[in-house]
Amino acid sequence: MRHLISGRKLNRTSSHRKSLFKNLSNSLIINEQIKTTLPKAKDLKPFVEKIITLGKTDTLHSKRKVFSILRSNQSVNKIFNILSKRYKSRNGGYTRVIKAGFRYGDASPMAIIELVERDVEAKGLLDKNRLSKENELKQNVENENKRVKLEDKSKIETKKKIILKKDRKNRVIKK
């Protein structure tokens, strides 16, 4: 009998489940909204809420405790700098689970889990920043390549002119 046993096994070992919740909670904290299966979302909700509650007490001990759970400096900084201020007056209930139909392929019930009063711009912000930096670097590399090609062309043209002049002199001397 499963008396006093809470949570789902989700067909995973305990270490796999632990890393699953760590990764999902990191994604939820950074993006403030993620889409996953309904059972995972329901199990993730108390996990994340406990982390955010820890983040409301701004002490070194609580920072280390949150870091030991999440293992991500970016998530820890966001919890203590942004989320703790946002949820200062709220006593729990930091997340909501919204059912999102069924997944095509295996018909798993899907859900969207999001932070209450979330920042709409936060979702995908890291990817947008990363892509803009990559595009900027590509542009810089392309501009540098064009500049080098133009320099190379001008060097090649000057070499050709020198060779042609020498060749003309040699022809004149041979005649």
C-alpha atoms as a PDB file:
ATOM      1  CA  MET A   1       0.000   0.000   0.000  1.00  0.00           C
ATOM      2  CA  ARG A   2       1.216   3.473  -0.848  1.00  0.00           C
ATOM      3  CA  HIS A   3       0.325   5.267   2.376  1.00  0.00           C
ATOM      4  CA  LEU A   4       2.047   8.645   2.879  1.00  0.00           C
ATOM      5  CA  ILE A   5       3.882   8.398  -0.452  1.00  0.00           C
ATOM      6  CA  SER A   6       3.411  11.482  -2.605  1.00  0.00           C
ATOM      7  CA  GLY A   7       4.546  12.344  -6.089  1.00  0.00           C
ATOM      8  CA  ARG A   8       4.741  10.330  -9.275  1.00  0.00           C
ATOM      9  CA  LYS A   9       7.604   8.148 -10.423  1.00  0.00           C
ATOM     10  CA  LEU A  10       7.119   9.245 -14.061  1.00  0.00           C
ATOM     11  CA  ASN A  11       8.708   5.938 -15.188  1.00  0.00           C
ATOM     12  CA  ARG A  12      12.184   7.216 -14.189  1.00  0.00           C
ATOM     13  CA  THR A  13      14.807   6.410 -11.600  1.00  0.00           C
ATOM     14  CA  SER A  14      15.106   8.756  -8.640  1.00  0.00           C
ATOM     15  CA  SER A  15      18.267  10.421  -9.970  1.00  0.00           C
ATOM     16  CA  HIS A  16      16.683  10.884 -13.403  1.00  0.00           C
ATOM     17  CA  ARG A  17      13.569  12.368 -11.794  1.00  0.00           C
ATOM     18  CA  LYS A  18      15.698  14.728  -9.710  1.00  0.00           C
ATOM     19  CA  SER A  19      17.623  15.977 -12.748  1.00  0.00           C
ATOM     20  CA  LEU A  20      14.360  16.241 -14.734  1.00  0.00           C
ATOM     21  CA  PHE A  21      12.827  18.549 -12.124  1.00  0.00           C
ATOM     22  CA  LYS A  22      16.066  20.530 -11.846  1.00  0.00           C
ATOM     23  CA  ASN A  23      16.143  21.111 -15.626  1.00  0.00           C
ATOM     24  CA  LEU A  24      12.421  21.886 -15.866  1.00  0.00           C
ATOM     25  CA  SER A  25      12.604  24.324 -12.958  1.00  0.00           C
ATOM     26  CA  ASN A  26      15.647  26.077 -14.481  1.00  0.00           C
ATOM     27  CA  SER A  27      13.740  26.450 -17.747  1.00  0.00           C
ATOM     28  CA  LEU A  28      10.624  27.687 -15.968  1.00  0.00           C
ATOM     29  CA  ILE A  29      12.541  30.235 -13.909  1.00  0.00           C
ATOM     30  CA  ILE A  30      14.449  31.611 -16.893  1.00  0.00           C
ATOM     31  CA  ASN A  31      11.618  31.575 -19.475  1.00  0.00           C
ATOM     32  CA  GLU A  32       8.738  32.011 -16.984  1.00  0.00           C
ATOM     33  CA  GLN A  33       6.559  29.701 -19.107  1.00  0.00           C
ATOM     34  CA  ILE A  34       7.148  26.178 -20.451  1.00  0.00           C
ATOM     35  CA  LYS A  35       5.079  23.483 -22.110  1.00  0.00           C
ATOM     36  CA  THR A  36       5.362  19.925 -20.795  1.00  0.00           C
ATOM     37  CA  THR A  37       3.165  16.945 -19.997  1.00  0.00           C
ATOM     38  CA  LEU A  38       0.428  17.401 -17.419  1.00  0.00           C
ATOM     39  CA  PRO A  39       1.835  14.975 -14.800  1.00  0.00           C
ATOM     40  CA  LYS A  40       5.286  16.594 -15.007  1.00  0.00           C
ATOM     41  CA  ALA A  41       3.738  20.061 -14.668  1.00  0.00           C
ATOM     42  CA  LYS A  42       1.687  18.999 -11.641  1.00  0.00           C
ATOM     43  CA  ASP A  43       4.753  17.546  -9.930  1.00  0.00           C
ATOM     44  CA  LEU A  44       6.941  20.511 -10.871  1.00  0.00           C
ATOM     45  CA  LYS A  45       4.599  23.065  -9.313  1.00  0.00           C
ATOM     46  CA  PRO A  46       5.413  22.423  -5.601  1.00  0.00           C
ATOM     47  CA  PHE A  47       9.105  21.938  -6.459  1.00  0.00           C
ATOM     48  CA  VAL A  48       9.374  25.425  -7.989  1.00  0.00           C
ATOM     49  CA  GLU A  49       7.181  27.079  -5.379  1.00  0.00           C
ATOM     50  CA  LYS A  50       9.450  25.857  -2.587  1.00  0.00           C
ATOM     51  CA  ILE A  51      12.467  27.256  -4.441  1.00  0.00           C
ATOM     52  CA  ILE A  52      10.802  30.662  -4.909  1.00  0.00           C
ATOM     53  CA  THR A  53       9.808  30.702  -1.231  1.00  0.00           C
ATOM     54  CA  LEU A  54      13.443  30.031  -0.315  1.00  0.00           C
ATOM     55  CA  GLY A  55      14.403  32.931  -2.571  1.00  0.00           C
ATOM     56  CA  LYS A  56      12.247  35.363  -0.621  1.00  0.00           C
ATOM     57  CA  THR A  57      14.664  35.218   2.333  1.00  0.00           C
ATOM     58  CA  ASP A  58      17.782  36.936   1.012  1.00  0.00           C
ATOM     59  CA  THR A  59      20.489  35.218   3.041  1.00  0.00           C
ATOM     60  CA  LEU A  60      23.678  33.455   2.050  1.00  0.00           C
ATOM     61  CA  HIS A  61      22.310  30.190   3.387  1.00  0.00           C
ATOM     62  CA  SER A  62      19.163  30.382   1.242  1.00  0.00           C
ATOM     63  CA  LYS A  63      21.243  31.299  -1.846  1.00  0.00           C
ATOM     64  CA  ARG A  64      23.453  28.283  -1.292  1.00  0.00           C
ATOM     65  CA  LYS A  65      20.428  26.081  -0.679  1.00  0.00           C
ATOM     66  CA  VAL A  66      18.794  27.220  -3.950  1.00  0.00           C
ATOM     67  CA  PHE A  67      22.086  26.791  -5.820  1.00  0.00           C
ATOM     68  CA  SER A  68      22.446  23.248  -4.455  1.00  0.00           C
ATOM     69  CA  ILE A  69      19.032  22.453  -5.932  1.00  0.00           C
ATOM     70  CA  LEU A  70      19.290  24.266  -9.294  1.00  0.00           C
ATOM     71  CA  ARG A  71      23.078  24.320  -9.970  1.00  0.00           C
ATOM     72  CA  SER A  72      22.674  27.412 -12.155  1.00  0.00           C
ATOM     73  CA  ASN A  73      23.954  30.861 -11.216  1.00  0.00           C
ATOM     74  CA  GLN A  74      21.659  32.488 -13.764  1.00  0.00           C
ATOM     75  CA  SER A  75      18.535  30.947 -12.207  1.00  0.00           C
ATOM     76  CA  VAL A  76      19.682  31.757  -8.676  1.00  0.00           C
ATOM     77  CA  ASN A  77      20.321  35.387  -9.609  1.00  0.00           C
ATOM     78  CA  LYS A  78      16.916  35.677 -11.250  1.00  0.00           C
ATOM     79  CA  ILE A  79      15.182  34.198  -8.202  1.00  0.00           C
ATOM     80  CA  PHE A  80      16.876  36.512  -5.720  1.00  0.00           C
ATOM     81  CA  ASN A  81      16.945  39.686  -7.824  1.00  0.00           C
ATOM     82  CA  ILE A  82      13.679  39.585  -9.781  1.00  0.00           C
ATOM     83  CA  LEU A  83      11.241  36.931  -8.570  1.00  0.00           C
ATOM     84  CA  SER A  84      11.720  37.568  -4.847  1.00  0.00           C
ATOM     85  CA  LYS A  85      10.766  41.227  -5.332  1.00  0.00           C
ATOM     86  CA  ARG A  86       7.841  40.345  -7.600  1.00  0.00           C
ATOM     87  CA  TYR A  87       6.338  37.865  -5.121  1.00  0.00           C
ATOM     88  CA  LYS A  88       7.222  39.710  -1.912  1.00  0.00           C
ATOM     89  CA  SER A  89       3.587  40.195  -0.878  1.00  0.00           C
ATOM     90  CA  ARG A  90       2.303  36.859  -2.250  1.00  0.00           C
ATOM     91  CA  ASN A  91       2.118  33.899   0.139  1.00  0.00           C
ATOM     92  CA  GLY A  92       2.497  30.938  -2.209  1.00  0.00           C
ATOM     93  CA  GLY A  93       0.728  30.226  -5.460  1.00  0.00           C
ATOM     94  CA  TYR A  94       3.547  31.488  -7.669  1.00  0.00           C
ATOM     95  CA  THR A  95       2.775  29.130 -10.573  1.00  0.00           C
ATOM     96  CA  ARG A  96      -0.264  28.053 -12.537  1.00  0.00           C
ATOM     97  CA  VAL A  97      -0.853  24.948 -14.642  1.00  0.00           C
ATOM     98  CA  ILE A  98      -3.042  25.336 -17.731  1.00  0.00           C
ATOM     99  CA  LYS A  99      -4.155  22.281 -19.669  1.00  0.00           C
ATOM    100  CA  ALA A 100      -3.092  22.487 -23.303  1.00  0.00           C
ATOM    101  CA  GLY A 101      -4.748  19.586 -25.093  1.00  0.00           C
ATOM    102  CA  PHE A 102      -3.090  16.360 -26.186  1.00  0.00           C
ATOM    103  CA  ARG A 103       0.230  15.753 -27.917  1.00  0.00           C
ATOM    104  CA  TYR A 104       0.086  14.500 -31.469  1.00  0.00           C
ATOM    105  CA  GLY A 105       1.788  11.129 -31.711  1.00  0.00           C
ATOM    106  CA  ASP A 106       1.151   9.584 -28.305  1.00  0.00           C
ATOM    107  CA  ALA A 107      -1.893  11.586 -27.117  1.00  0.00           C
ATOM    108  CA  SER A 108      -0.202  12.574 -23.854  1.00  0.00           C
ATOM    109  CA  PRO A 109      -2.064  15.288 -21.967  1.00  0.00           C
ATOM    110  CA  MET A 110      -0.032  18.478 -22.298  1.00  0.00           C
ATOM    111  CA  ALA A 111       0.054  21.488 -20.011  1.00  0.00           C
ATOM    112  CA  ILE A 112       1.571  24.940 -19.858  1.00  0.00           C
ATOM    113  CA  ILE A 113       3.117  25.819 -16.519  1.00  0.00           C
ATOM    114  CA  GLU A 114       3.872  29.479 -15.997  1.00  0.00           C
ATOM    115  CA  LEU A 115       4.715  31.927 -13.265  1.00  0.00           C
ATOM    116  CA  VAL A 116       1.850  34.112 -12.092  1.00  0.00           C
ATOM    117  CA  GLU A 117       2.326  37.780 -13.056  1.00  0.00           C
ATOM    118  CA  ARG A 118       5.016  36.667 -15.485  1.00  0.00           C
ATOM    119  CA  ASP A 119       7.119  38.884 -17.721  1.00  0.00           C
ATOM    120  CA  VAL A 120       5.902  38.179 -21.264  1.00  0.00           C
ATOM    121  CA  GLU A 121       9.231  39.349 -22.738  1.00  0.00           C
ATOM    122  CA  ALA A 122      11.234  36.802 -20.692  1.00  0.00           C
ATOM    123  CA  LYS A 123      10.162  33.804 -22.768  1.00  0.00           C
ATOM    124  CA  GLY A 124      12.906  33.066 -25.280  1.00  0.00           C
ATOM    125  CA  LEU A 125      14.862  36.192 -24.353  1.00  0.00           C
ATOM    126  CA  LEU A 126      18.126  34.274 -23.988  1.00  0.00           C
ATOM    127  CA  ASP A 127      17.721  32.726 -27.420  1.00  0.00           C
ATOM    128  CA  LYS A 128      16.882  36.088 -28.979  1.00  0.00           C
ATOM    129  CA  ASN A 129      19.967  37.668 -27.408  1.00  0.00           C
ATOM    130  CA  ARG A 130      22.167  34.742 -28.438  1.00  0.00           C
ATOM    131  CA  LEU A 131      20.877  34.842 -32.023  1.00  0.00           C
ATOM    132  CA  SER A 132      21.339  38.593 -32.291  1.00  0.00           C
ATOM    133  CA  LYS A 133      24.936  38.258 -31.060  1.00  0.00           C
ATOM    134  CA  GLU A 134      25.585  35.423 -33.517  1.00  0.00           C
ATOM    135  CA  ASN A 135      24.128  37.461 -36.388  1.00  0.00           C
ATOM    136  CA  GLU A 136      26.230  40.446 -35.356  1.00  0.00           C
ATOM    137  CA  LEU A 137      29.354  38.274 -35.311  1.00  0.00           C
ATOM    138  CA  LYS A 138      28.457  36.830 -38.727  1.00  0.00           C
ATOM    139  CA  GLN A 139      28.066  40.344 -40.123  1.00  0.00           C
ATOM    140  CA  ASN A 140      31.426  41.353 -38.674  1.00  0.00           C
ATOM    141  CA  VAL A 141      33.105  38.258 -40.133  1.00  0.00           C
ATOM    142  CA  GLU A 142      31.478  38.814 -43.533  1.00  0.00           C
ATOM    143  CA  ASN A 143      32.538  42.457 -43.553  1.00  0.00           C
ATOM    144  CA  GLU A 144      36.076  41.473 -42.597  1.00  0.00           C
ATOM    145  CA  ASN A 145      36.134  38.817 -45.336  1.00  0.00           C
ATOM    146  CA  LYS A 146      34.930  41.348 -47.915  1.00  0.00           C
ATOM    147  CA  ARG A 147      37.586  43.806 -46.802  1.00  0.00           C
ATOM    148  CA  VAL A 148      40.299  41.126 -46.987  1.00  0.00           C
ATOM    149  CA  LYS A 149      39.084  40.000 -50.421  1.00  0.00           C
ATOM    150  CA  LEU A 150      39.207  43.564 -51.708  1.00  0.00           C
ATOM    151  CA  GLU A 151      42.713  43.966 -50.330  1.00  0.00           C
ATOM    152  CA  ASP A 152      43.736  40.627 -51.836  1.00  0.00           C
ATOM    153  CA  LYS A 153      42.244  41.610 -55.190  1.00  0.00           C
ATOM    154  CA  SER A 154      44.134  44.884 -55.174  1.00  0.00           C
ATOM    155  CA  LYS A 155      47.376  43.064 -54.239  1.00  0.00           C
ATOM    156  CA  ILE A 156      46.817  40.491 -56.975  1.00  0.00           C
ATOM    157  CA  GLU A 157      46.088  43.221 -59.512  1.00  0.00           C
ATOM    158  CA  THR A 158      49.262  45.095 -58.594  1.00  0.00           C
ATOM    159  CA  LYS A 159      51.264  41.855 -58.858  1.00  0.00           C
ATOM    160  CA  LYS A 160      49.706  41.170 -62.259  1.00  0.00           C
ATOM    161  CA  LYS A 161      50.637  44.663 -63.422  1.00  0.00           C
ATOM    162  CA  ILE A 162      54.226  44.178 -62.250  1.00  0.00           C
ATOM    163  CA  ILE A 163      54.453  40.793 -63.982  1.00  0.00           C
ATOM    164  CA  LEU A 164      52.980  42.232 -67.180  1.00  0.00           C
ATOM    165  CA  LYS A 165      55.511  45.086 -67.139  1.00  0.00           C
ATOM    166  CA  LYS A 166      58.375  42.633 -66.648  1.00  0.00           C
ATOM    167  CA  ASP A 167      57.015  40.395 -69.405  1.00  0.00           C
ATOM    168  CA  ARG A 168      56.786  43.360 -71.805  1.00  0.00           C
ATOM    169  CA  LYS A 169      60.347  44.356 -71.007  1.00  0.00           C
ATOM    170  CA  ASN A 170      61.504  40.775 -71.609  1.00  0.00           C
ATOM    171  CA  ARG A 171      59.699  40.678 -74.981  1.00  0.00           C
ATOM    172  CA  VAL A 172      61.232  43.965 -76.029  1.00  0.00           C
ATOM    173  CA  ILE A 173      64.735  42.747 -75.099  1.00  0.00           C
ATOM    174  CA  LYS A 174      64.307  39.383 -76.938  1.00  0.00           C
ATOM    175  CA  LYS A 175      63.361  41.072 -80.212  1.00  0.00           C
END
